[in-house]
PDB file of N, CA and C in Angstrom:
ATOM      1  N   MET A   1     128.984 -83.499 133.465  1.00  0.00           N
ATOM      2  CA  MET A   1     129.047 -82.663 134.642  1.00  0.00           C
ATOM      3  C   MET A   1     128.539 -83.416 135.874  1.00  0.00           C
ATOM      4  N   VAL A   2     127.389 -84.099 135.700  1.00  0.00           N
ATOM      5  CA  VAL A   2     126.811 -84.830 136.831  1.00  0.00           C
ATOM      6  C   VAL A   2     127.751 -85.943 137.281  1.00  0.00           C
ATOM      7  N   LYS A   3     128.317 -86.651 136.306  1.00  0.00           N
ATOM      8  CA  LYS A   3     129.242 -87.737 136.624  1.00  0.00           C
ATOM      9  C   LYS A   3     130.461 -87.201 137.394  1.00  0.00           C
ATOM     10  N   TYR A   4     130.982 -86.050 136.976  1.00  0.00           N
ATOM     11  CA  TYR A   4     132.133 -85.447 137.639  1.00  0.00           C
ATOM     12  C   TYR A   4     131.792 -85.072 139.079  1.00  0.00           C
ATOM     13  N   VAL A   5     130.649 -84.432 139.267  1.00  0.00           N
ATOM     14  CA  VAL A   5     130.239 -84.007 140.618  1.00  0.00           C
ATOM     15  C   VAL A   5     130.024 -85.228 141.511  1.00  0.00           C
ATOM     16  N   ALA A   6     129.393 -86.260 140.957  1.00  0.00           N
ATOM     17  CA  ALA A   6     129.148 -87.464 141.747  1.00  0.00           C
ATOM     18  C   ALA A   6     130.465 -88.115 142.170  1.00  0.00           C
ATOM     19  N   ARG A   7     131.379 -88.276 141.231  1.00  0.00           N
ATOM     20  CA  ARG A   7     132.682 -88.879 141.567  1.00  0.00           C
ATOM     21  C   ARG A   7     133.443 -88.023 142.577  1.00  0.00           C
ATOM     22  N   GLN A   8     133.409 -86.709 142.384  1.00  0.00           N
ATOM     23  CA  GLN A   8     134.083 -85.794 143.296  1.00  0.00           C
ATOM     24  C   GLN A   8     133.519 -85.946 144.710  1.00  0.00           C
ATOM     25  N   GLY A   9     132.186 -86.002 144.792  1.00  0.00           N
ATOM     26  CA  GLY A   9     131.531 -86.127 146.093  1.00  0.00           C
ATOM     27  C   GLY A   9     131.859 -87.419 146.795  1.00  0.00           C
ATOM     28  N   VAL A  10     131.980 -88.491 146.044  1.00  0.00           N
ATOM     29  CA  VAL A  10     132.242 -89.795 146.643  1.00  0.00           C
ATOM     30  C   VAL A  10     133.725 -89.987 146.939  1.00  0.00           C
ATOM     31  N   LEU A  11     134.576 -89.706 145.949  1.00  0.00           N
ATOM     32  CA  LEU A  11     135.995 -90.027 146.098  1.00  0.00           C
ATOM     33  C   LEU A  11     136.775 -89.040 146.947  1.00  0.00           C
ATOM     34  N   PHE A  12     136.402 -87.776 146.905  1.00  0.00           N
ATOM     35  CA  PHE A  12     137.225 -86.774 147.591  1.00  0.00           C
ATOM     36  C   PHE A  12     136.542 -86.136 148.797  1.00  0.00           C
ATOM     37  N   SER A  13     135.233 -86.019 148.774  1.00  0.00           N
ATOM     38  CA  SER A  13     134.540 -85.393 149.898  1.00  0.00           C
ATOM     39  C   SER A  13     134.076 -86.415 150.921  1.00  0.00           C
ATOM     40  N   GLY A  14     133.909 -87.658 150.473  1.00  0.00           N
ATOM     41  CA  GLY A  14     133.527 -88.729 151.396  1.00  0.00           C
ATOM     42  C   GLY A  14     132.265 -88.423 152.165  1.00  0.00           C
ATOM     43  N   ILE A  15     132.332 -88.601 153.496  1.00  0.00           N
ATOM     44  CA  ILE A  15     131.139 -88.407 154.303  1.00  0.00           C
ATOM     45  C   ILE A  15     130.777 -86.937 154.509  1.00  0.00           C
ATOM     46  N   LYS A  16     131.603 -86.038 154.005  1.00  0.00           N
ATOM     47  CA  LYS A  16     131.262 -84.617 154.086  1.00  0.00           C
ATOM     48  C   LYS A  16     130.159 -84.252 153.095  1.00  0.00           C
ATOM     49  N   SER A  17     130.013 -85.061 152.040  1.00  0.00           N
ATOM     50  CA  SER A  17     128.993 -84.753 151.039  1.00  0.00           C
ATOM     51  C   SER A  17     127.811 -85.704 151.191  1.00  0.00           C
ATOM     52  N   CYS A  18     126.650 -85.237 150.823  1.00  0.00           N
ATOM     53  CA  CYS A  18     125.428 -86.046 150.897  1.00  0.00           C
ATOM     54  C   CYS A  18     125.550 -87.282 150.011  1.00  0.00           C
ATOM     55  N   ILE A  19     126.022 -87.100 148.805  1.00  0.00           N
ATOM     56  CA  ILE A  19     126.142 -88.240 147.889  1.00  0.00           C
ATOM     57  C   ILE A  19     127.188 -89.234 148.391  1.00  0.00           C
ATOM     58  N   GLY A  20     128.250 -88.744 148.997  1.00  0.00           N
ATOM     59  CA  GLY A  20     129.272 -89.623 149.552  1.00  0.00           C
ATOM     60  C   GLY A  20     128.719 -90.486 150.679  1.00  0.00           C
ATOM     61  N   ARG A  21     127.909 -89.886 151.549  1.00  0.00           N
ATOM     62  CA  ARG A  21     127.289 -90.646 152.643  1.00  0.00           C
ATOM     63  C   ARG A  21     126.323 -91.694 152.091  1.00  0.00           C
ATOM     64  N   ASN A  22     125.556 -91.322 151.064  1.00  0.00           N
ATOM     65  CA  ASN A  22     124.606 -92.266 150.476  1.00  0.00           C
ATOM     66  C   ASN A  22     125.318 -93.455 149.839  1.00  0.00           C
ATOM     67  N   VAL A  23     126.392 -93.186 149.121  1.00  0.00           N
ATOM     68  CA  VAL A  23     127.135 -94.265 148.476  1.00  0.00           C
ATOM     69  C   VAL A  23     127.761 -95.171 149.531  1.00  0.00           C
ATOM     70  N   GLN A  24     128.294 -94.597 150.582  1.00  0.00           N
ATOM     71  CA  GLN A  24     128.879 -95.387 151.670  1.00  0.00           C
ATOM     72  C   GLN A  24     127.818 -96.283 152.314  1.00  0.00           C
ATOM     73  N   PHE A  25     126.642 -95.715 152.555  1.00  0.00           N
ATOM     74  CA  PHE A  25     125.551 -96.475 153.145  1.00  0.00           C
ATOM     75  C   PHE A  25     125.156 -97.648 152.238  1.00  0.00           C
ATOM     76  N   LEU A  26     124.983 -97.387 150.942  1.00  0.00           N
ATOM     77  CA  LEU A  26     124.611 -98.445 150.000  1.00  0.00           C
ATOM     78  C   LEU A  26     125.692 -99.512 149.899  1.00  0.00           C
ATOM     79  N   SER A  27     126.938 -99.078 149.927  1.00  0.00           N
ATOM     80  CA  SER A  27     128.058-100.006 149.855  1.00  0.00           C
ATOM     81  C   SER A  27     128.034-100.975 151.037  1.00  0.00           C
ATOM     82  N   GLU A  28     127.813-100.442 152.220  1.00  0.00           N
ATOM     83  CA  GLU A  28     127.788-101.280 153.419  1.00  0.00           C
ATOM     84  C   GLU A  28     126.544-102.171 153.454  1.00  0.00           C
ATOM     85  N   ARG A  29     125.410-101.604 153.095  1.00  0.00           N
ATOM     86  CA  ARG A  29     124.158-102.350 153.181  1.00  0.00           C
ATOM     87  C   ARG A  29     124.110-103.520 152.195  1.00  0.00           C
ATOM     88  N   TYR A  30     124.562-103.294 150.958  1.00  0.00           N
ATOM     89  CA  TYR A  30     124.445-104.314 149.924  1.00  0.00           C
ATOM     90  C   TYR A  30     125.767-105.011 149.610  1.00  0.00           C
ATOM     91  N   GLN A  31     126.792-104.766 150.424  1.00  0.00           N
ATOM     92  CA  GLN A  31     128.110-105.380 150.248  1.00  0.00           C
ATOM     93  C   GLN A  31     128.626-105.236 148.815  1.00  0.00           C
ATOM     94  N   VAL A  32     128.623-103.998 148.325  1.00  0.00           N
ATOM     95  CA  VAL A  32     129.130-103.687 146.994  1.00  0.00           C
ATOM     96  C   VAL A  32     130.300-102.723 147.166  1.00  0.00           C
ATOM     97  N   CYS A  33     131.398-103.001 146.474  1.00  0.00           N
ATOM     98  CA  CYS A  33     132.557-102.111 146.548  1.00  0.00           C
ATOM     99  C   CYS A  33     132.214-100.766 145.901  1.00  0.00           C
ATOM    100  N   ILE A  34     132.691 -99.707 146.509  1.00  0.00           N
ATOM    101  CA  ILE A  34     132.424 -98.362 145.981  1.00  0.00           C
ATOM    102  C   ILE A  34     132.931 -98.215 144.549  1.00  0.00           C
ATOM    103  N   PRO A  35     134.130 -98.694 144.203  1.00  0.00           N
ATOM    104  CA  PRO A  35     134.562 -98.569 142.799  1.00  0.00           C
ATOM    105  C   PRO A  35     133.593 -99.245 141.822  1.00  0.00           C
ATOM    106  N   ASP A  36     133.003-100.389 142.239  1.00  0.00           N
ATOM    107  CA  ASP A  36     132.017-101.052 141.380  1.00  0.00           C
ATOM    108  C   ASP A  36     130.782-100.182 141.196  1.00  0.00           C
ATOM    109  N   MET A  37     130.388 -99.480 142.242  1.00  0.00           N
ATOM    110  CA  MET A  37     129.219 -98.611 142.156  1.00  0.00           C
ATOM    111  C   MET A  37     129.491 -97.408 141.257  1.00  0.00           C
ATOM    112  N   LEU A  38     130.730 -96.979 141.199  1.00  0.00           N
ATOM    113  CA  LEU A  38     131.072 -95.798 140.412  1.00  0.00           C
ATOM    114  C   LEU A  38     131.328 -96.116 138.945  1.00  0.00           C
ATOM    115  N   MET A  39     131.505 -97.391 138.635  1.00  0.00           N
ATOM    116  CA  MET A  39     131.775 -97.753 137.241  1.00  0.00           C
ATOM    117  C   MET A  39     130.557 -97.403 136.393  1.00  0.00           C
ATOM    118  N   HIS A  40     130.791 -96.790 135.281  1.00  0.00           N
ATOM    119  CA  HIS A  40     129.696 -96.377 134.420  1.00  0.00           C
ATOM    120  C   HIS A  40     128.979 -97.555 133.788  1.00  0.00           C
ATOM    121  N   ASN A  41     129.590 -98.735 133.797  1.00  0.00           N
ATOM    122  CA  ASN A  41     128.946 -99.879 133.158  1.00  0.00           C
ATOM    123  C   ASN A  41     128.182-100.752 134.151  1.00  0.00           C
ATOM    124  N   LEU A  42     127.968-100.273 135.377  1.00  0.00           N
ATOM    125  CA  LEU A  42     127.146-101.002 136.337  1.00  0.00           C
ATOM    126  C   LEU A  42     125.694-100.831 135.911  1.00  0.00           C
ATOM    127  N   ALA A  43     125.176-101.852 135.289  1.00  0.00           N
ATOM    128  CA  ALA A  43     123.823-101.770 134.735  1.00  0.00           C
ATOM    129  C   ALA A  43     122.793-101.734 135.849  1.00  0.00           C
ATOM    130  N   GLU A  44     121.671-101.102 135.556  1.00  0.00           N
ATOM    131  CA  GLU A  44     120.581-101.021 136.526  1.00  0.00           C
ATOM    132  C   GLU A  44     120.119-102.413 136.929  1.00  0.00           C
ATOM    133  N   SER A  45     120.082-103.336 135.973  1.00  0.00           N
ATOM    134  CA  SER A  45     119.632-104.691 136.283  1.00  0.00           C
ATOM    135  C   SER A  45     120.583-105.377 137.265  1.00  0.00           C
ATOM    136  N   ASN A  46     121.881-105.111 137.157  1.00  0.00           N
ATOM    137  CA  ASN A  46     122.837-105.672 138.113  1.00  0.00           C
ATOM    138  C   ASN A  46     122.582-105.129 139.507  1.00  0.00           C
ATOM    139  N   PHE A  47     122.330-103.826 139.606  1.00  0.00           N
ATOM    140  CA  PHE A  47     122.059-103.241 140.914  1.00  0.00           C
ATOM    141  C   PHE A  47     120.757-103.791 141.477  1.00  0.00           C
ATOM    142  N   THR A  48     119.767-103.996 140.608  1.00  0.00           N
ATOM    143  CA  THR A  48     118.500-104.582 141.041  1.00  0.00           C
ATOM    144  C   THR A  48     118.743-105.978 141.594  1.00  0.00           C
ATOM    145  N   ARG A  49     119.583-106.769 140.900  1.00  0.00           N
ATOM    146  CA  ARG A  49     119.907-108.110 141.376  1.00  0.00           C
ATOM    147  C   ARG A  49     120.605-108.071 142.738  1.00  0.00           C
ATOM    148  N   ILE A  50     121.493-107.106 142.927  1.00  0.00           N
ATOM    149  CA  ILE A  50     122.185-106.964 144.217  1.00  0.00           C
ATOM    150  C   ILE A  50     121.175-106.699 145.322  1.00  0.00           C
ATOM    151  N   CYS A  51     120.234-105.793 145.069  1.00  0.00           N
ATOM    152  CA  CYS A  51     119.205-105.466 146.066  1.00  0.00           C
ATOM    153  C   CYS A  51     118.314-106.671 146.350  1.00  0.00           C
ATOM    154  N   GLU A  52     117.909-107.385 145.298  1.00  0.00           N
ATOM    155  CA  GLU A  52     117.067-108.564 145.484  1.00  0.00           C
ATOM    156  C   GLU A  52     117.786-109.625 146.305  1.00  0.00           C
ATOM    157  N   ARG A  53     119.064-109.821 146.028  1.00  0.00           N
ATOM    158  CA  ARG A  53     119.839-110.807 146.778  1.00  0.00           C
ATOM    159  C   ARG A  53     119.900-110.428 148.260  1.00  0.00           C
ATOM    160  N   HIS A  54     120.077-109.139 148.534  1.00  0.00           N
ATOM    161  CA  HIS A  54     120.111-108.675 149.921  1.00  0.00           C
ATOM    162  C   HIS A  54     118.773-108.952 150.609  1.00  0.00           C
ATOM    163  N   VAL A  55     117.673-108.624 149.933  1.00  0.00           N
ATOM    164  CA  VAL A  55     116.347-108.834 150.513  1.00  0.00           C
ATOM    165  C   VAL A  55     116.093-110.327 150.702  1.00  0.00           C
ATOM    166  N   GLU A  56     116.430-111.118 149.692  1.00  0.00           N
ATOM    167  CA  GLU A  56     116.199-112.560 149.765  1.00  0.00           C
ATOM    168  C   GLU A  56     116.969-113.178 150.927  1.00  0.00           C
ATOM    169  N   ASN A  57     118.188-112.720 151.165  1.00  0.00           N
ATOM    170  CA  ASN A  57     119.008-113.275 152.246  1.00  0.00           C
ATOM    171  C   ASN A  57     118.584-112.797 153.618  1.00  0.00           C
ATOM    172  N   SER A  58     117.806-111.713 153.688  1.00  0.00           N
ATOM    173  CA  SER A  58     117.469-111.154 154.990  1.00  0.00           C
ATOM    174  C   SER A  58     116.032-111.420 155.413  1.00  0.00           C
ATOM    175  N   MET A  59     115.281-112.206 154.633  1.00  0.00           N
ATOM    176  CA  MET A  59     113.913-112.498 155.037  1.00  0.00           C
ATOM    177  C   MET A  59     113.586-113.973 154.833  1.00  0.00           C
ATOM    178  N   ASP A  60     112.485-114.382 155.443  1.00  0.00           N
ATOM    179  CA  ASP A  60     111.993-115.746 155.328  1.00  0.00           C
ATOM    180  C   ASP A  60     111.771-116.080 153.848  1.00  0.00           C
ATOM    181  N   PRO A  61     112.316-117.194 153.354  1.00  0.00           N
ATOM    182  CA  PRO A  61     112.173-117.529 151.929  1.00  0.00           C
ATOM    183  C   PRO A  61     110.721-117.606 151.464  1.00  0.00           C
ATOM    184  N   LYS A  62     109.827-118.109 152.306  1.00  0.00           N
ATOM    185  CA  LYS A  62     108.415-118.208 151.927  1.00  0.00           C
ATOM    186  C   LYS A  62     107.837-116.816 151.676  1.00  0.00           C
ATOM    187  N   VAL A  63     108.134-115.876 152.550  1.00  0.00           N
ATOM    188  CA  VAL A  63     107.650-114.505 152.401  1.00  0.00           C
ATOM    189  C   VAL A  63     108.249-113.870 151.149  1.00  0.00           C
ATOM    190  N   PHE A  64     109.539-114.101 150.910  1.00  0.00           N
ATOM    191  CA  PHE A  64     110.192-113.544 149.732  1.00  0.00           C
ATOM    192  C   PHE A  64     109.506-114.016 148.456  1.00  0.00           C
ATOM    193  N   TRP A  65     109.270-115.332 148.331  1.00  0.00           N
ATOM    194  CA  TRP A  65     108.683-115.861 147.100  1.00  0.00           C
ATOM    195  C   TRP A  65     107.219-115.468 146.953  1.00  0.00           C
ATOM    196  N   GLU A  66     106.504-115.313 148.063  1.00  0.00           N
ATOM    197  CA  GLU A  66     105.131-114.806 147.975  1.00  0.00           C
ATOM    198  C   GLU A  66     105.138-113.362 147.470  1.00  0.00           C
ATOM    199  N   ALA A  67     106.091-112.577 147.948  1.00  0.00           N
ATOM    200  CA  ALA A  67     106.201-111.186 147.487  1.00  0.00           C
ATOM    201  C   ALA A  67     106.539-111.133 146.003  1.00  0.00           C
ATOM    202  N   ARG A  68     107.416-112.012 145.538  1.00  0.00           N
ATOM    203  CA  ARG A  68     107.744-112.066 144.106  1.00  0.00           C
ATOM    204  C   ARG A  68     106.516-112.440 143.278  1.00  0.00           C
ATOM    205  N   LEU A  69     105.723-113.382 143.791  1.00  0.00           N
ATOM    206  CA  LEU A  69     104.510-113.791 143.085  1.00  0.00           C
ATOM    207  C   LEU A  69     103.519-112.632 143.003  1.00  0.00           C
ATOM    208  N   VAL A  70     103.334-111.908 144.115  1.00  0.00           N
ATOM    209  CA  VAL A  70     102.440-110.748 144.104  1.00  0.00           C
ATOM    210  C   VAL A  70     102.946-109.708 143.107  1.00  0.00           C
ATOM    211  N   TYR A  71     104.255-109.480 143.092  1.00  0.00           N
ATOM    212  CA  TYR A  71     104.850-108.528 142.141  1.00  0.00           C
ATOM    213  C   TYR A  71     104.508-108.923 140.699  1.00  0.00           C
ATOM    214  N   GLU A  72     104.704-110.200 140.380  1.00  0.00           N
ATOM    215  CA  GLU A  72     104.428-110.654 139.017  1.00  0.00           C
ATOM    216  C   GLU A  72     102.938-110.569 138.683  1.00  0.00           C
ATOM    217  N   LEU A  73     102.083-110.880 139.649  1.00  0.00           N
ATOM    218  CA  LEU A  73     100.637-110.771 139.418  1.00  0.00           C
ATOM    219  C   LEU A  73     100.224-109.320 139.184  1.00  0.00           C
ATOM    220  N   VAL A  74     100.823-108.408 139.918  1.00  0.00           N
ATOM    221  CA  VAL A  74     100.530-106.981 139.712  1.00  0.00           C
ATOM    222  C   VAL A  74     100.969-106.559 138.310  1.00  0.00           C
ATOM    223  N   MET A  75     102.117-107.055 137.877  1.00  0.00           N
ATOM    224  CA  MET A  75     102.586-106.734 136.531  1.00  0.00           C
ATOM    225  C   MET A  75     101.624-107.282 135.472  1.00  0.00           C
ATOM    226  N   VAL A  76     101.080-108.480 135.696  1.00  0.00           N
ATOM    227  CA  VAL A  76     100.097-109.046 134.770  1.00  0.00           C
ATOM    228  C   VAL A  76      98.824-108.200 134.799  1.00  0.00           C
ATOM    229  N   ARG A  77      98.370-107.867 135.994  1.00  0.00           N
ATOM    230  CA  ARG A  77      97.153-107.065 136.142  1.00  0.00           C
ATOM    231  C   ARG A  77      97.264-105.736 135.405  1.00  0.00           C
ATOM    232  N   ASP A  78      98.452-105.127 135.485  1.00  0.00           N
ATOM    233  CA  ASP A  78      98.656-103.818 134.867  1.00  0.00           C
ATOM    234  C   ASP A  78      99.038-103.901 133.390  1.00  0.00           C
ATOM    235  N   GLY A  79      99.094-105.124 132.859  1.00  0.00           N
ATOM    236  CA  GLY A  79      99.359-105.299 131.433  1.00  0.00           C
ATOM    237  C   GLY A  79     100.822-105.234 131.045  1.00  0.00           C
ATOM    238  N   LEU A  80     101.732-105.278 132.019  1.00  0.00           N
ATOM    239  CA  LEU A  80     103.164-105.232 131.717  1.00  0.00           C
ATOM    240  C   LEU A  80     103.744-106.618 131.473  1.00  0.00           C
ATOM    241  N   TYR A  81     103.106-107.635 132.034  1.00  0.00           N
ATOM    242  CA  TYR A  81     103.441-109.029 131.762  1.00  0.00           C
ATOM    243  C   TYR A  81     102.206-109.675 131.156  1.00  0.00           C
ATOM    244  N   ARG A  82     102.429-110.755 130.416  1.00  0.00           N
ATOM    245  CA  ARG A  82     101.299-111.506 129.843  1.00  0.00           C
ATOM    246  C   ARG A  82     101.430-112.967 130.236  1.00  0.00           C
ATOM    247  N   LEU A  83     100.286-113.584 130.481  1.00  0.00           N
ATOM    248  CA  LEU A  83     100.264-115.018 130.708  1.00  0.00           C
ATOM    249  C   LEU A  83     100.107-115.709 129.361  1.00  0.00           C
ATOM    250  N   THR A  84     100.677-116.897 129.241  1.00  0.00           N
ATOM    251  CA  THR A  84     100.559-117.612 127.967  1.00  0.00           C
ATOM    252  C   THR A  84      99.161-118.175 127.776  1.00  0.00           C
ATOM    253  N   ASP A  85      98.446-118.342 128.873  1.00  0.00           N
ATOM    254  CA  ASP A  85      97.085-118.873 128.809  1.00  0.00           C
ATOM    255  C   ASP A  85      96.105-117.730 129.018  1.00  0.00           C
ATOM    256  N   ASP A  86      95.185-117.546 128.097  1.00  0.00           N
ATOM    257  CA  ASP A  86      94.220-116.450 128.203  1.00  0.00           C
ATOM    258  C   ASP A  86      92.970-116.822 128.988  1.00  0.00           C
ATOM    259  N   ASN A  87      93.006-117.926 129.741  1.00  0.00           N
ATOM    260  CA  ASN A  87      91.847-118.338 130.527  1.00  0.00           C
ATOM    261  C   ASN A  87      91.670-117.496 131.784  1.00  0.00           C
ATOM    262  N   PHE A  88      92.679-116.726 132.153  1.00  0.00           N
ATOM    263  CA  PHE A  88      92.590-115.874 133.331  1.00  0.00           C
ATOM    264  C   PHE A  88      92.015-114.527 132.936  1.00  0.00           C
ATOM    265  N   VAL A  89      91.093-114.040 133.746  1.00  0.00           N
ATOM    266  CA  VAL A  89      90.557-112.698 133.532  1.00  0.00           C
ATOM    267  C   VAL A  89      91.094-111.802 134.637  1.00  0.00           C
ATOM    268  N   SER A  90      90.899-110.526 134.481  1.00  0.00           N
ATOM    269  CA  SER A  90      91.422-109.560 135.447  1.00  0.00           C
ATOM    270  C   SER A  90      90.937-109.841 136.864  1.00  0.00           C
ATOM    271  N   LEU A  91      89.684-110.261 136.993  1.00  0.00           N
ATOM    272  CA  LEU A  91      89.135-110.561 138.314  1.00  0.00           C
ATOM    273  C   LEU A  91      89.899-111.706 138.981  1.00  0.00           C
ATOM    274  N   ASP A  92      90.296-112.721 138.198  1.00  0.00           N
ATOM    275  CA  ASP A  92      91.084-113.837 138.747  1.00  0.00           C
ATOM    276  C   ASP A  92      92.411-113.338 139.303  1.00  0.00           C
ATOM    277  N   ILE A  93      93.061-112.475 138.570  1.00  0.00           N
ATOM    278  CA  ILE A  93      94.358-111.935 139.001  1.00  0.00           C
ATOM    279  C   ILE A  93      94.183-111.122 140.279  1.00  0.00           C
ATOM    280  N   CYS A  94      93.162-110.270 140.321  1.00  0.00           N
ATOM    281  CA  CYS A  94      92.916-109.442 141.512  1.00  0.00           C
ATOM    282  C   CYS A  94      92.590-110.297 142.729  1.00  0.00           C
ATOM    283  N   GLN A  95      91.825-111.375 142.541  1.00  0.00           N
ATOM    284  CA  GLN A  95      91.512-112.266 143.658  1.00  0.00           C
ATOM    285  C   GLN A  95      92.759-112.997 144.159  1.00  0.00           C
ATOM    286  N   ALA A  96      93.630-113.402 143.242  1.00  0.00           N
ATOM    287  CA  ALA A  96      94.874-114.065 143.644  1.00  0.00           C
ATOM    288  C   ALA A  96      95.747-113.104 144.451  1.00  0.00           C
ATOM    289  N   ILE A  97      95.835-111.856 144.014  1.00  0.00           N
ATOM    290  CA  ILE A  97      96.622-110.852 144.750  1.00  0.00           C
ATOM    291  C   ILE A  97      96.031-110.655 146.143  1.00  0.00           C
ATOM    292  N   ALA A  98      94.709-110.492 146.213  1.00  0.00           N
ATOM    293  CA  ALA A  98      94.053-110.272 147.501  1.00  0.00           C
ATOM    294  C   ALA A  98      94.272-111.456 148.430  1.00  0.00           C
ATOM    295  N   SER A  99      94.196-112.661 147.888  1.00  0.00           N
ATOM    296  CA  SER A  99      94.387-113.856 148.693  1.00  0.00           C
ATOM    297  C   SER A  99      95.807-113.932 149.256  1.00  0.00           C
ATOM    298  N   LEU A 100      96.789-113.650 148.419  1.00  0.00           N
ATOM    299  CA  LEU A 100      98.186-113.693 148.878  1.00  0.00           C
ATOM    300  C   LEU A 100      98.490-112.603 149.898  1.00  0.00           C
ATOM    301  N   CYS A 101      97.851-111.463 149.754  1.00  0.00           N
ATOM    302  CA  CYS A 101      98.146-110.330 150.639  1.00  0.00           C
ATOM    303  C   CYS A 101      97.426-110.416 151.977  1.00  0.00           C
ATOM    304  N   THR A 102      96.433-111.303 152.099  1.00  0.00           N
ATOM    305  CA  THR A 102      95.675-111.378 153.367  1.00  0.00           C
ATOM    306  C   THR A 102      95.988-112.632 154.161  1.00  0.00           C
ATOM    307  N   ASP A 103      96.827-113.507 153.637  1.00  0.00           N
ATOM    308  CA  ASP A 103      97.185-114.726 154.384  1.00  0.00           C
ATOM    309  C   ASP A 103      98.071-114.410 155.541  1.00  0.00           C
TER     310      ASP A 103
END
């Protein structure tokens, strides 16, 4: 039902529907064809890659890679990523994040 309503809103109602306007906006912003966005096999990771590519192309590379490093450090701090070396303690990770965020 949700898939039908979403397709109906995008393909037939266009900018008259909220979902149609959102899809149009995303299509223009991230240079993705609307049919590709509507395909059921568009994996979340692919869409994430599209967004990352857009951000990477629109900002200073140094800032982008610092942001990626902070993201990975936060994931380590929260226990979602692990470092292969156990010599780092939580305080080290928090200090690295603070240092990167205040430069």
